[in-house]
Amino acid sequence: MKRSIKPPRRSRGSLTRSEILIASMEILQEEGVEALSMRRIAKKLGCSVASPYTHFQNQEEIIRELILEGEKKLTSDLKTAEKTTEKVYTKLNAIAHAYWDFAIENRELHKLMFNAIGGKLYRQTFPSLPTSYRVFLETIRYGITSGEIPHRRKDYPSIARTMWSWMYGLIVLEMNEILRRKKDSDPIKEGIELFTILLKRGGPLADRANNSESAIQSRER
């Protein structure tokens, strides 16, 4: 039997930063967060374990770059969804579905971005507001400014946090196969419909409008 000849090991200088990141992303998406290591990256690229250190100080730096790539992709998806309509509740529905699709289609990347290790790096990378969350936040503010969401302007951060937490929780439940739902059901649509009802009815500005309408009706009697 002929022995298989292993291809020659790549020299340290032949690697590029882009190649390392592409290989890392492929390992992440195909094998999961747990498989991502400098040793596994080197094996995939056919180089020594020390070679990736030519471009990256450590594995943490590679993870940070993958998180940045994930955030860039998620933000782009949310912006595209937000621009599909001028009606704020339809915008919120489109954004929520875009976030759901991103997470389901990029399970391991989403996990890396928000798990214990990746989440810490995510917060360090975006110490103020991540660009993806800002898209959602600005949509809520747009709805309050336009009058479609009858709440005070100062309430938009808390409304955004509440809805974003709901979306994230729903996605995590789905990815961990804990969310029990009918095959053809759409939990995102159901949730947005409920939030729409609550936001239209529950704000102090809505109460003021209802009181004014009631007062007018009383005078007309």
N, C-alpha and C. Protein backbone atom coordinates (compact mmCIF):
# COMPACT_ATOMS: atom_id res chain seq x y z
N MET A 1 0.83 -1.20 0.00
CA MET A 1 0.00 0.00 0.00
C MET A 1 0.87 1.25 0.00
N LYS A 2 0.45 2.19 -0.80
CA LYS A 2 1.18 3.45 -0.85
C LYS A 2 0.74 4.34 0.32
N ARG A 3 1.72 4.92 0.93
CA ARG A 3 1.40 5.85 2.01
C ARG A 3 0.96 7.20 1.43
N SER A 4 -0.07 7.74 2.07
CA SER A 4 -0.52 9.06 1.61
C SER A 4 0.52 10.09 1.99
N ILE A 5 0.81 10.95 1.05
CA ILE A 5 1.81 11.98 1.27
C ILE A 5 1.13 13.24 1.79
N LYS A 6 1.54 13.65 2.95
CA LYS A 6 0.95 14.86 3.52
C LYS A 6 1.48 16.08 2.77
N PRO A 7 0.61 17.06 2.53
CA PRO A 7 1.08 18.28 1.87
C PRO A 7 2.07 18.99 2.77
N PRO A 8 3.00 19.70 2.20
CA PRO A 8 4.00 20.40 3.03
C PRO A 8 3.34 21.44 3.93
N ARG A 9 3.88 21.56 5.12
CA ARG A 9 3.33 22.54 6.07
C ARG A 9 3.60 23.95 5.55
N ARG A 10 2.58 24.78 5.65
CA ARG A 10 2.72 26.15 5.18
C ARG A 10 3.69 26.92 6.06
N SER A 11 4.45 27.79 5.42
CA SER A 11 5.39 28.60 6.18
C SER A 11 4.65 29.71 6.91
N ARG A 12 5.25 30.17 7.96
CA ARG A 12 4.62 31.19 8.80
C ARG A 12 4.31 32.46 8.02
N GLY A 13 5.19 32.83 7.11
CA GLY A 13 5.00 34.07 6.38
C GLY A 13 3.98 34.00 5.26
N SER A 14 3.53 32.77 4.91
CA SER A 14 2.59 32.65 3.80
C SER A 14 1.15 32.90 4.21
N LEU A 15 0.87 32.94 5.49
CA LEU A 15 -0.49 33.17 5.97
C LEU A 15 -0.86 34.65 5.92
N THR A 16 -2.13 34.91 5.67
CA THR A 16 -2.63 36.29 5.74
C THR A 16 -3.65 36.39 6.87
N ARG A 17 -3.87 37.58 7.34
CA ARG A 17 -4.84 37.82 8.41
C ARG A 17 -6.24 37.37 7.97
N SER A 18 -6.57 37.68 6.71
CA SER A 18 -7.88 37.32 6.19
C SER A 18 -8.09 35.81 6.16
N GLU A 19 -7.06 35.06 5.76
CA GLU A 19 -7.15 33.60 5.72
C GLU A 19 -7.43 33.02 7.11
N ILE A 20 -6.78 33.57 8.09
CA ILE A 20 -6.96 33.08 9.46
C ILE A 20 -8.38 33.32 9.93
N LEU A 21 -8.91 34.50 9.63
CA LEU A 21 -10.28 34.83 10.05
C LEU A 21 -11.32 33.99 9.31
N ILE A 22 -11.08 33.75 8.02
CA ILE A 22 -12.00 32.91 7.24
C ILE A 22 -12.01 31.49 7.80
N ALA A 23 -10.83 30.96 8.06
CA ALA A 23 -10.73 29.60 8.62
C ALA A 23 -11.39 29.54 9.99
N SER A 24 -11.21 30.56 10.79
CA SER A 24 -11.81 30.60 12.13
C SER A 24 -13.32 30.62 12.05
N MET A 25 -13.85 31.42 11.12
CA MET A 25 -15.31 31.50 10.96
C MET A 25 -15.87 30.17 10.48
N GLU A 26 -15.16 29.50 9.58
CA GLU A 26 -15.61 28.20 9.08
C GLU A 26 -15.64 27.16 10.20
N ILE A 27 -14.61 27.15 11.02
CA ILE A 27 -14.57 26.22 12.15
C ILE A 27 -15.74 26.50 13.10
N LEU A 28 -15.95 27.78 13.36
CA LEU A 28 -17.03 28.19 14.27
C LEU A 28 -18.38 27.73 13.75
N GLN A 29 -18.66 28.02 12.49
CA GLN A 29 -19.98 27.71 11.93
C GLN A 29 -20.19 26.22 11.72
N GLU A 30 -19.14 25.50 11.37
CA GLU A 30 -19.28 24.08 11.06
C GLU A 30 -19.12 23.16 12.27
N GLU A 31 -18.28 23.55 13.22
CA GLU A 31 -17.96 22.66 14.33
C GLU A 31 -18.37 23.20 15.70
N GLY A 32 -18.72 24.48 15.76
CA GLY A 32 -19.20 25.04 17.01
C GLY A 32 -18.16 25.83 17.78
N VAL A 33 -18.64 26.60 18.74
CA VAL A 33 -17.78 27.46 19.55
C VAL A 33 -16.69 26.66 20.26
N GLU A 34 -17.06 25.49 20.77
CA GLU A 34 -16.13 24.68 21.55
C GLU A 34 -14.92 24.22 20.75
N ALA A 35 -15.08 24.12 19.43
CA ALA A 35 -13.98 23.61 18.58
C ALA A 35 -12.98 24.70 18.20
N LEU A 36 -13.33 25.94 18.44
CA LEU A 36 -12.48 27.04 18.02
C LEU A 36 -11.27 27.19 18.94
N SER A 37 -10.10 26.91 18.41
CA SER A 37 -8.85 27.04 19.17
C SER A 37 -7.72 27.34 18.19
N MET A 38 -6.62 27.83 18.69
CA MET A 38 -5.48 28.13 17.84
C MET A 38 -4.95 26.85 17.19
N ARG A 39 -4.99 25.76 17.94
CA ARG A 39 -4.52 24.48 17.41
C ARG A 39 -5.40 24.01 16.25
N ARG A 40 -6.72 24.17 16.41
CA ARG A 40 -7.65 23.74 15.35
C ARG A 40 -7.51 24.64 14.13
N ILE A 41 -7.30 25.93 14.35
CA ILE A 41 -7.12 26.88 13.24
C ILE A 41 -5.85 26.52 12.46
N ALA A 42 -4.79 26.22 13.18
CA ALA A 42 -3.53 25.86 12.54
C ALA A 42 -3.67 24.58 11.72
N LYS A 43 -4.38 23.62 12.27
CA LYS A 43 -4.58 22.35 11.56
C LYS A 43 -5.35 22.57 10.27
N LYS A 44 -6.37 23.41 10.32
CA LYS A 44 -7.18 23.67 9.13
C LYS A 44 -6.37 24.38 8.05
N LEU A 45 -5.47 25.25 8.48
CA LEU A 45 -4.66 26.01 7.53
C LEU A 45 -3.38 25.27 7.11
N GLY A 46 -3.10 24.15 7.78
CA GLY A 46 -1.91 23.38 7.44
C GLY A 46 -0.63 24.08 7.82
N CYS A 47 -0.63 24.69 8.99
CA CYS A 47 0.55 25.42 9.43
C CYS A 47 0.87 25.05 10.88
N SER A 48 1.92 25.59 11.41
CA SER A 48 2.27 25.34 12.80
C SER A 48 1.32 26.11 13.72
N VAL A 49 1.22 25.66 14.96
CA VAL A 49 0.35 26.34 15.92
C VAL A 49 0.82 27.77 16.15
N ALA A 50 2.09 28.00 16.00
CA ALA A 50 2.64 29.34 16.23
C ALA A 50 2.34 30.32 15.10
N SER A 51 2.02 29.81 13.91
CA SER A 51 1.87 30.67 12.73
C SER A 51 0.78 31.74 12.86
N PRO A 52 -0.42 31.41 13.35
CA PRO A 52 -1.46 32.45 13.47
C PRO A 52 -1.05 33.62 14.36
N TYR A 53 -0.09 33.37 15.26
CA TYR A 53 0.35 34.44 16.16
C TYR A 53 1.13 35.52 15.42
N THR A 54 1.42 35.29 14.16
CA THR A 54 2.07 36.32 13.35
C THR A 54 1.15 37.52 13.19
N HIS A 55 -0.16 37.24 13.12
CA HIS A 55 -1.14 38.31 12.89
C HIS A 55 -2.03 38.61 14.10
N PHE A 56 -2.10 37.68 15.03
CA PHE A 56 -2.96 37.87 16.20
C PHE A 56 -2.19 37.54 17.48
N GLN A 57 -2.37 38.37 18.47
CA GLN A 57 -1.64 38.16 19.73
C GLN A 57 -2.10 36.89 20.44
N ASN A 58 -3.41 36.60 20.34
CA ASN A 58 -3.96 35.44 21.02
C ASN A 58 -5.32 35.09 20.42
N GLN A 59 -5.93 34.03 20.93
CA GLN A 59 -7.23 33.58 20.44
C GLN A 59 -8.31 34.61 20.72
N GLU A 60 -8.17 35.30 21.81
CA GLU A 60 -9.16 36.32 22.18
C GLU A 60 -9.28 37.40 21.10
N GLU A 61 -8.16 37.75 20.51
CA GLU A 61 -8.18 38.77 19.46
C GLU A 61 -8.92 38.27 18.23
N ILE A 62 -8.77 36.98 17.93
CA ILE A 62 -9.51 36.40 16.80
C ILE A 62 -11.00 36.40 17.10
N ILE A 63 -11.37 36.01 18.30
CA ILE A 63 -12.79 36.00 18.70
C ILE A 63 -13.38 37.40 18.59
N ARG A 64 -12.61 38.40 19.00
CA ARG A 64 -13.09 39.79 18.93
C ARG A 64 -13.38 40.17 17.47
N GLU A 65 -12.52 39.74 16.55
CA GLU A 65 -12.73 40.05 15.13
C GLU A 65 -13.97 39.34 14.59
N LEU A 66 -14.20 38.11 15.04
CA LEU A 66 -15.39 37.38 14.61
C LEU A 66 -16.66 38.05 15.15
N ILE A 67 -16.58 38.55 16.37
CA ILE A 67 -17.72 39.28 16.95
C ILE A 67 -18.00 40.55 16.15
N LEU A 68 -16.95 41.26 15.77
CA LEU A 68 -17.12 42.47 14.96
C LEU A 68 -17.77 42.14 13.62
N GLU A 69 -17.35 41.02 13.03
CA GLU A 69 -17.94 40.59 11.75
C GLU A 69 -19.41 40.24 11.93
N GLY A 70 -19.73 39.55 13.03
CA GLY A 70 -21.12 39.21 13.30
C GLY A 70 -21.98 40.44 13.53
N GLU A 71 -21.45 41.39 14.27
CA GLU A 71 -22.19 42.63 14.54
C GLU A 71 -22.42 43.42 13.26
N LYS A 72 -21.43 43.43 12.39
CA LYS A 72 -21.56 44.13 11.11
C LYS A 72 -22.66 43.49 10.26
N LYS A 73 -22.69 42.17 10.21
CA LYS A 73 -23.71 41.46 9.44
C LYS A 73 -25.09 41.67 10.04
N LEU A 74 -25.22 41.55 11.35
CA LEU A 74 -26.51 41.73 12.01
C LEU A 74 -27.03 43.15 11.81
N THR A 75 -26.17 44.13 11.96
CA THR A 75 -26.57 45.53 11.77
C THR A 75 -27.07 45.77 10.35
N SER A 76 -26.35 45.22 9.38
CA SER A 76 -26.75 45.37 7.98
C SER A 76 -28.13 44.76 7.74
N ASP A 77 -28.36 43.58 8.30
CA ASP A 77 -29.66 42.92 8.13
C ASP A 77 -30.78 43.74 8.75
N LEU A 78 -30.53 44.30 9.93
CA LEU A 78 -31.56 45.08 10.61
C LEU A 78 -31.85 46.39 9.88
N LYS A 79 -30.81 47.02 9.36
CA LYS A 79 -31.01 48.26 8.61
C LYS A 79 -31.82 48.01 7.33
N THR A 80 -31.52 46.91 6.68
CA THR A 80 -32.27 46.56 5.46
C THR A 80 -33.73 46.32 5.79
N ALA A 81 -33.99 45.62 6.89
CA ALA A 81 -35.36 45.34 7.31
C ALA A 81 -36.09 46.62 7.69
N GLU A 82 -35.40 47.52 8.37
CA GLU A 82 -36.02 48.76 8.85
C GLU A 82 -36.46 49.65 7.70
N LYS A 83 -35.76 49.57 6.58
CA LYS A 83 -36.05 50.45 5.45
C LYS A 83 -37.18 49.94 4.55
N THR A 84 -37.76 48.79 4.89
CA THR A 84 -38.78 48.21 4.02
C THR A 84 -40.13 48.92 4.10
N THR A 85 -40.34 49.76 5.11
CA THR A 85 -41.63 50.41 5.30
C THR A 85 -41.47 51.68 6.12
N GLU A 86 -42.48 52.52 6.11
CA GLU A 86 -42.48 53.75 6.90
C GLU A 86 -43.28 53.59 8.18
N LYS A 87 -44.10 52.56 8.28
CA LYS A 87 -44.94 52.35 9.46
C LYS A 87 -44.13 51.70 10.56
N VAL A 88 -44.14 52.29 11.75
CA VAL A 88 -43.22 51.87 12.80
C VAL A 88 -43.47 50.44 13.28
N TYR A 89 -44.71 50.02 13.40
CA TYR A 89 -44.95 48.66 13.89
C TYR A 89 -44.56 47.61 12.86
N THR A 90 -44.69 47.98 11.58
CA THR A 90 -44.22 47.08 10.53
C THR A 90 -42.69 47.04 10.52
N LYS A 91 -42.07 48.18 10.81
CA LYS A 91 -40.61 48.23 10.94
C LYS A 91 -40.14 47.30 12.05
N LEU A 92 -40.79 47.39 13.20
CA LEU A 92 -40.41 46.56 14.35
C LEU A 92 -40.59 45.08 14.04
N ASN A 93 -41.63 44.76 13.33
CA ASN A 93 -41.87 43.36 12.95
C ASN A 93 -40.76 42.87 12.01
N ALA A 94 -40.39 43.71 11.05
CA ALA A 94 -39.34 43.33 10.09
C ALA A 94 -37.99 43.20 10.78
N ILE A 95 -37.69 44.11 11.70
CA ILE A 95 -36.43 44.06 12.44
C ILE A 95 -36.35 42.80 13.29
N ALA A 96 -37.44 42.51 14.00
CA ALA A 96 -37.47 41.32 14.86
C ALA A 96 -37.27 40.04 14.05
N HIS A 97 -37.92 39.96 12.90
CA HIS A 97 -37.76 38.77 12.04
C HIS A 97 -36.34 38.68 11.48
N ALA A 98 -35.74 39.84 11.15
CA ALA A 98 -34.37 39.84 10.64
C ALA A 98 -33.40 39.34 11.71
N TYR A 99 -33.62 39.76 12.94
CA TYR A 99 -32.77 39.31 14.05
C TYR A 99 -32.94 37.81 14.27
N TRP A 100 -34.16 37.34 14.23
CA TRP A 100 -34.47 35.91 14.36
C TRP A 100 -33.75 35.12 13.27
N ASP A 101 -33.87 35.57 12.02
CA ASP A 101 -33.25 34.87 10.89
C ASP A 101 -31.73 34.84 11.03
N PHE A 102 -31.14 35.96 11.43
CA PHE A 102 -29.69 36.01 11.61
C PHE A 102 -29.23 34.98 12.64
N ALA A 103 -29.94 34.92 13.75
CA ALA A 103 -29.55 34.00 14.83
C ALA A 103 -29.70 32.55 14.42
N ILE A 104 -30.79 32.23 13.74
CA ILE A 104 -31.04 30.85 13.32
C ILE A 104 -30.05 30.41 12.24
N GLU A 105 -29.73 31.32 11.32
CA GLU A 105 -28.82 30.99 10.22
C GLU A 105 -27.35 31.04 10.65
N ASN A 106 -27.07 31.71 11.74
CA ASN A 106 -25.69 31.83 12.23
C ASN A 106 -25.64 31.46 13.71
N ARG A 107 -26.11 30.27 14.02
CA ARG A 107 -26.28 29.83 15.41
C ARG A 107 -25.00 29.96 16.22
N GLU A 108 -23.92 29.42 15.70
CA GLU A 108 -22.68 29.41 16.46
C GLU A 108 -22.07 30.80 16.58
N LEU A 109 -22.22 31.61 15.55
CA LEU A 109 -21.72 32.98 15.61
C LEU A 109 -22.53 33.78 16.63
N HIS A 110 -23.84 33.61 16.63
CA HIS A 110 -24.69 34.28 17.60
C HIS A 110 -24.33 33.84 19.02
N LYS A 111 -24.09 32.55 19.17
CA LYS A 111 -23.70 32.02 20.48
C LYS A 111 -22.38 32.63 20.93
N LEU A 112 -21.43 32.73 19.99
CA LEU A 112 -20.13 33.31 20.33
C LEU A 112 -20.28 34.77 20.77
N MET A 113 -21.16 35.50 20.10
CA MET A 113 -21.35 36.92 20.39
C MET A 113 -21.93 37.14 21.78
N PHE A 114 -22.77 36.19 22.25
CA PHE A 114 -23.52 36.46 23.47
C PHE A 114 -23.36 35.42 24.57
N ASN A 115 -22.45 34.44 24.40
CA ASN A 115 -22.25 33.50 25.50
C ASN A 115 -21.34 34.10 26.57
N ALA A 116 -20.99 33.34 27.58
CA ALA A 116 -20.24 33.89 28.72
C ALA A 116 -18.93 34.54 28.30
N ILE A 117 -18.13 33.83 27.46
CA ILE A 117 -16.83 34.36 27.05
C ILE A 117 -17.00 35.45 26.00
N GLY A 118 -17.75 35.11 24.95
CA GLY A 118 -17.96 36.07 23.87
C GLY A 118 -18.71 37.31 24.33
N GLY A 119 -19.68 37.11 25.23
CA GLY A 119 -20.47 38.24 25.72
C GLY A 119 -19.62 39.27 26.42
N LYS A 120 -18.63 38.81 27.18
CA LYS A 120 -17.71 39.74 27.86
C LYS A 120 -16.92 40.54 26.84
N LEU A 121 -16.42 39.87 25.81
CA LEU A 121 -15.68 40.57 24.76
C LEU A 121 -16.60 41.48 23.96
N TYR A 122 -17.85 41.05 23.78
CA TYR A 122 -18.83 41.86 23.06
C TYR A 122 -19.04 43.19 23.79
N ARG A 123 -19.17 43.13 25.10
CA ARG A 123 -19.37 44.35 25.89
C ARG A 123 -18.12 45.23 25.86
N GLN A 124 -16.95 44.60 25.84
CA GLN A 124 -15.71 45.36 25.77
C GLN A 124 -15.54 46.03 24.41
N THR A 125 -16.00 45.33 23.37
CA THR A 125 -15.89 45.85 22.01
C THR A 125 -16.86 46.99 21.77
N PHE A 126 -18.04 46.88 22.39
CA PHE A 126 -19.06 47.92 22.24
C PHE A 126 -19.44 48.45 23.63
N PRO A 127 -18.59 49.27 24.23
CA PRO A 127 -18.83 49.73 25.60
C PRO A 127 -20.06 50.62 25.75
N SER A 128 -20.49 51.26 24.67
CA SER A 128 -21.68 52.10 24.75
C SER A 128 -22.88 51.35 24.20
N LEU A 129 -23.17 51.55 22.92
CA LEU A 129 -24.31 50.85 22.31
C LEU A 129 -23.87 50.14 21.04
N PRO A 130 -24.13 48.84 20.92
CA PRO A 130 -23.83 48.12 19.67
C PRO A 130 -24.65 48.73 18.52
N THR A 131 -24.11 48.69 17.33
CA THR A 131 -24.80 49.28 16.19
C THR A 131 -26.12 48.58 15.88
N SER A 132 -26.19 47.28 16.13
CA SER A 132 -27.43 46.54 15.86
C SER A 132 -28.54 47.02 16.80
N TYR A 133 -28.22 47.16 18.07
CA TYR A 133 -29.22 47.62 19.04
C TYR A 133 -29.63 49.06 18.75
N ARG A 134 -28.69 49.86 18.27
CA ARG A 134 -29.00 51.26 17.96
C ARG A 134 -30.06 51.36 16.87
N VAL A 135 -30.03 50.45 15.89
CA VAL A 135 -31.05 50.45 14.83
C VAL A 135 -32.44 50.28 15.45
N PHE A 136 -32.55 49.35 16.39
CA PHE A 136 -33.83 49.09 17.04
C PHE A 136 -34.23 50.28 17.92
N LEU A 137 -33.29 50.80 18.67
CA LEU A 137 -33.54 51.93 19.56
C LEU A 137 -34.05 53.14 18.78
N GLU A 138 -33.40 53.44 17.66
CA GLU A 138 -33.79 54.58 16.85
C GLU A 138 -35.17 54.38 16.23
N THR A 139 -35.54 53.14 15.97
CA THR A 139 -36.87 52.86 15.42
C THR A 139 -37.94 53.15 16.45
N ILE A 140 -37.70 52.80 17.70
CA ILE A 140 -38.63 53.11 18.78
C ILE A 140 -38.76 54.62 18.94
N ARG A 141 -37.64 55.30 18.91
CA ARG A 141 -37.66 56.76 19.04
C ARG A 141 -38.41 57.40 17.88
N TYR A 142 -38.21 56.87 16.69
CA TYR A 142 -38.94 57.35 15.51
C TYR A 142 -40.45 57.20 15.72
N GLY A 143 -40.86 56.06 16.28
CA GLY A 143 -42.28 55.82 16.51
C GLY A 143 -42.87 56.80 17.51
N ILE A 144 -42.11 57.15 18.55
CA ILE A 144 -42.59 58.11 19.55
C ILE A 144 -42.66 59.51 18.93
N THR A 145 -41.64 59.87 18.17
CA THR A 145 -41.61 61.19 17.52
C THR A 145 -42.75 61.36 16.54
N SER A 146 -43.04 60.30 15.79
CA SER A 146 -44.11 60.36 14.79
C SER A 146 -45.50 60.29 15.42
N GLY A 147 -45.57 59.89 16.69
CA GLY A 147 -46.86 59.79 17.36
C GLY A 147 -47.49 58.41 17.25
N GLU A 148 -46.86 57.50 16.51
CA GLU A 148 -47.43 56.15 16.37
C GLU A 148 -47.33 55.36 17.67
N ILE A 149 -46.30 55.66 18.45
CA ILE A 149 -46.15 55.05 19.78
C ILE A 149 -46.45 56.16 20.79
N PRO A 150 -47.65 56.19 21.37
CA PRO A 150 -48.06 57.30 22.23
C PRO A 150 -47.47 57.25 23.63
N HIS A 151 -46.14 57.33 23.70
CA HIS A 151 -45.44 57.36 24.97
C HIS A 151 -44.54 58.58 25.01
N ARG A 152 -44.07 58.92 26.20
CA ARG A 152 -43.17 60.05 26.35
C ARG A 152 -41.82 59.75 25.70
N ARG A 153 -41.19 60.79 25.22
CA ARG A 153 -39.90 60.62 24.54
C ARG A 153 -38.87 59.95 25.45
N LYS A 154 -38.91 60.26 26.75
CA LYS A 154 -37.93 59.70 27.67
C LYS A 154 -38.13 58.21 27.91
N ASP A 155 -39.27 57.67 27.45
CA ASP A 155 -39.56 56.25 27.68
C ASP A 155 -38.96 55.32 26.63
N TYR A 156 -38.45 55.90 25.52
CA TYR A 156 -38.05 55.02 24.43
C TYR A 156 -36.90 54.07 24.79
N PRO A 157 -35.93 54.43 25.64
CA PRO A 157 -34.89 53.44 25.99
C PRO A 157 -35.45 52.22 26.72
N SER A 158 -36.37 52.45 27.66
CA SER A 158 -36.92 51.32 28.43
C SER A 158 -37.81 50.44 27.56
N ILE A 159 -38.54 51.05 26.63
CA ILE A 159 -39.36 50.27 25.70
C ILE A 159 -38.45 49.41 24.82
N ALA A 160 -37.37 50.01 24.32
CA ALA A 160 -36.44 49.27 23.46
C ALA A 160 -35.78 48.12 24.21
N ARG A 161 -35.35 48.37 25.44
CA ARG A 161 -34.71 47.32 26.24
C ARG A 161 -35.67 46.15 26.46
N THR A 162 -36.91 46.48 26.78
CA THR A 162 -37.91 45.43 27.04
C THR A 162 -38.16 44.58 25.81
N MET A 163 -38.33 45.21 24.67
CA MET A 163 -38.61 44.47 23.44
C MET A 163 -37.39 43.68 22.97
N TRP A 164 -36.20 44.28 23.11
CA TRP A 164 -34.97 43.58 22.69
C TRP A 164 -34.74 42.35 23.55
N SER A 165 -34.99 42.49 24.85
CA SER A 165 -34.84 41.36 25.77
C SER A 165 -35.81 40.24 25.40
N TRP A 166 -37.01 40.62 25.02
CA TRP A 166 -38.00 39.61 24.58
C TRP A 166 -37.50 38.88 23.34
N MET A 167 -36.99 39.63 22.36
CA MET A 167 -36.50 39.00 21.13
C MET A 167 -35.35 38.05 21.43
N TYR A 168 -34.39 38.53 22.21
CA TYR A 168 -33.22 37.71 22.54
C TYR A 168 -33.64 36.44 23.29
N GLY A 169 -34.51 36.59 24.27
CA GLY A 169 -34.97 35.44 25.05
C GLY A 169 -35.69 34.43 24.19
N LEU A 170 -36.51 34.90 23.27
CA LEU A 170 -37.24 34.01 22.37
C LEU A 170 -36.28 33.23 21.48
N ILE A 171 -35.27 33.91 20.98
CA ILE A 171 -34.28 33.27 20.11
C ILE A 171 -33.49 32.22 20.87
N VAL A 172 -33.06 32.52 22.09
CA VAL A 172 -32.31 31.56 22.89
C VAL A 172 -33.16 30.33 23.19
N LEU A 173 -34.42 30.53 23.52
CA LEU A 173 -35.31 29.41 23.78
C LEU A 173 -35.46 28.53 22.53
N GLU A 174 -35.58 29.18 21.37
CA GLU A 174 -35.73 28.44 20.12
C GLU A 174 -34.46 27.64 19.80
N MET A 175 -33.31 28.25 19.94
CA MET A 175 -32.05 27.59 19.58
C MET A 175 -31.71 26.46 20.53
N ASN A 176 -32.21 26.53 21.75
CA ASN A 176 -31.98 25.47 22.72
C ASN A 176 -33.13 24.46 22.75
N GLU A 177 -34.02 24.61 21.78
CA GLU A 177 -35.16 23.69 21.62
C GLU A 177 -36.02 23.61 22.88
N ILE A 178 -36.16 24.74 23.55
CA ILE A 178 -37.00 24.81 24.74
C ILE A 178 -38.36 25.42 24.39
N LEU A 179 -38.37 26.25 23.35
CA LEU A 179 -39.61 26.91 22.94
C LEU A 179 -40.55 25.91 22.29
N ARG A 180 -41.67 25.68 22.91
CA ARG A 180 -42.67 24.76 22.37
C ARG A 180 -43.71 25.55 21.59
N ARG A 181 -43.83 25.25 20.33
CA ARG A 181 -44.79 25.97 19.49
C ARG A 181 -45.25 25.08 18.35
N LYS A 182 -46.37 25.44 17.79
CA LYS A 182 -46.88 24.70 16.66
C LYS A 182 -45.98 24.90 15.46
N LYS A 183 -45.96 23.94 14.58
CA LYS A 183 -45.04 23.93 13.45
C LYS A 183 -45.12 25.21 12.62
N ASP A 184 -46.32 25.66 12.33
CA ASP A 184 -46.50 26.81 11.44
C ASP A 184 -46.70 28.13 12.19
N SER A 185 -46.51 28.11 13.50
CA SER A 185 -46.72 29.35 14.26
C SER A 185 -45.54 30.30 14.08
N ASP A 186 -45.79 31.58 14.31
CA ASP A 186 -44.77 32.61 14.18
C ASP A 186 -44.70 33.39 15.49
N PRO A 187 -43.83 32.97 16.42
CA PRO A 187 -43.79 33.63 17.73
C PRO A 187 -43.36 35.09 17.66
N ILE A 188 -42.57 35.44 16.66
CA ILE A 188 -42.15 36.83 16.50
C ILE A 188 -43.36 37.69 16.13
N LYS A 189 -44.13 37.25 15.17
CA LYS A 189 -45.33 37.99 14.75
C LYS A 189 -46.32 38.11 15.89
N GLU A 190 -46.51 37.01 16.62
CA GLU A 190 -47.44 37.02 17.75
C GLU A 190 -47.01 38.03 18.81
N GLY A 191 -45.71 38.05 19.10
CA GLY A 191 -45.20 38.98 20.11
C GLY A 191 -45.32 40.43 19.68
N ILE A 192 -45.00 40.71 18.42
CA ILE A 192 -45.10 42.08 17.91
C ILE A 192 -46.55 42.56 17.95
N GLU A 193 -47.48 41.67 17.61
CA GLU A 193 -48.90 42.04 17.66
C GLU A 193 -49.31 42.40 19.08
N LEU A 194 -48.81 41.66 20.06
CA LEU A 194 -49.13 41.96 21.45
C LEU A 194 -48.50 43.28 21.88
N PHE A 195 -47.23 43.49 21.52
CA PHE A 195 -46.57 44.75 21.86
C PHE A 195 -47.27 45.93 21.21
N THR A 196 -47.76 45.74 19.99
CA THR A 196 -48.48 46.80 19.29
C THR A 196 -49.71 47.23 20.08
N ILE A 197 -50.46 46.26 20.56
CA ILE A 197 -51.65 46.54 21.36
C ILE A 197 -51.27 47.28 22.65
N LEU A 198 -50.24 46.79 23.33
CA LEU A 198 -49.83 47.37 24.60
C LEU A 198 -49.28 48.79 24.42
N LEU A 199 -48.48 48.99 23.39
CA LEU A 199 -47.88 50.30 23.17
C LEU A 199 -48.93 51.34 22.75
N LYS A 200 -49.91 50.92 22.00
CA LYS A 200 -50.95 51.85 21.56
C LYS A 200 -51.89 52.24 22.69
N ARG A 201 -52.08 51.33 23.65
CA ARG A 201 -53.06 51.56 24.71
C ARG A 201 -52.46 52.05 26.02
N GLY A 202 -51.20 51.71 26.27
CA GLY A 202 -50.69 51.88 27.63
C GLY A 202 -49.96 53.16 27.95
N GLY A 203 -49.66 54.02 26.99
CA GLY A 203 -48.84 55.19 27.27
C GLY A 203 -49.60 56.32 27.92
N PRO A 204 -48.92 57.19 28.64
CA PRO A 204 -49.56 58.34 29.27
C PRO A 204 -50.15 59.30 28.24
N LEU A 205 -49.52 59.38 27.07
CA LEU A 205 -50.06 60.24 26.02
C LEU A 205 -51.35 59.66 25.47
N ALA A 206 -51.40 58.32 25.41
CA ALA A 206 -52.63 57.68 24.97
C ALA A 206 -53.74 57.92 25.98
N ASP A 207 -53.41 57.87 27.27
CA ASP A 207 -54.38 58.13 28.32
C ASP A 207 -54.90 59.55 28.23
N ARG A 208 -53.98 60.47 27.95
CA ARG A 208 -54.36 61.88 27.83
C ARG A 208 -55.31 62.06 26.65
N ALA A 209 -55.00 61.38 25.54
CA ALA A 209 -55.85 61.49 24.35
C ALA A 209 -57.23 60.89 24.62
N ASN A 210 -57.26 59.75 25.32
CA ASN A 210 -58.53 59.12 25.64
C ASN A 210 -59.36 59.98 26.58
N ASN A 211 -58.68 60.62 27.54
CA ASN A 211 -59.39 61.49 28.48
C ASN A 211 -59.97 62.70 27.77
N SER A 212 -59.19 63.24 26.82
CA SER A 212 -59.66 64.39 26.06
C SER A 212 -60.87 64.02 25.22
N GLU A 213 -60.79 62.84 24.61
CA GLU A 213 -61.91 62.37 23.79
C GLU A 213 -63.15 62.15 24.65
N SER A 214 -62.96 61.61 25.84
CA SER A 214 -64.09 61.37 26.75
C SER A 214 -64.71 62.68 27.19
N ALA A 215 -63.85 63.69 27.44
CA ALA A 215 -64.35 65.00 27.86
C ALA A 215 -65.18 65.64 26.77
N ILE A 216 -64.71 65.50 25.53
CA ILE A 216 -65.45 66.06 24.39
C ILE A 216 -66.80 65.38 24.25
N GLN A 217 -66.81 64.07 24.40
CA GLN A 217 -68.06 63.33 24.28
C GLN A 217 -69.03 63.72 25.39
N SER A 218 -68.52 63.98 26.59
CA SER A 218 -69.36 64.37 27.71
C SER A 218 -70.01 65.73 27.45
N ARG A 219 -69.23 66.66 26.88
CA ARG A 219 -69.76 68.00 26.59
C ARG A 219 -70.83 67.95 25.50
N GLU A 220 -70.67 66.98 24.59
CA GLU A 220 -71.61 66.89 23.47
C GLU A 220 -72.95 66.28 23.87
N ARG A 221 -72.96 65.61 25.04
CA ARG A 221 -74.20 64.98 25.48
C ARG A 221 -75.20 66.01 26.00
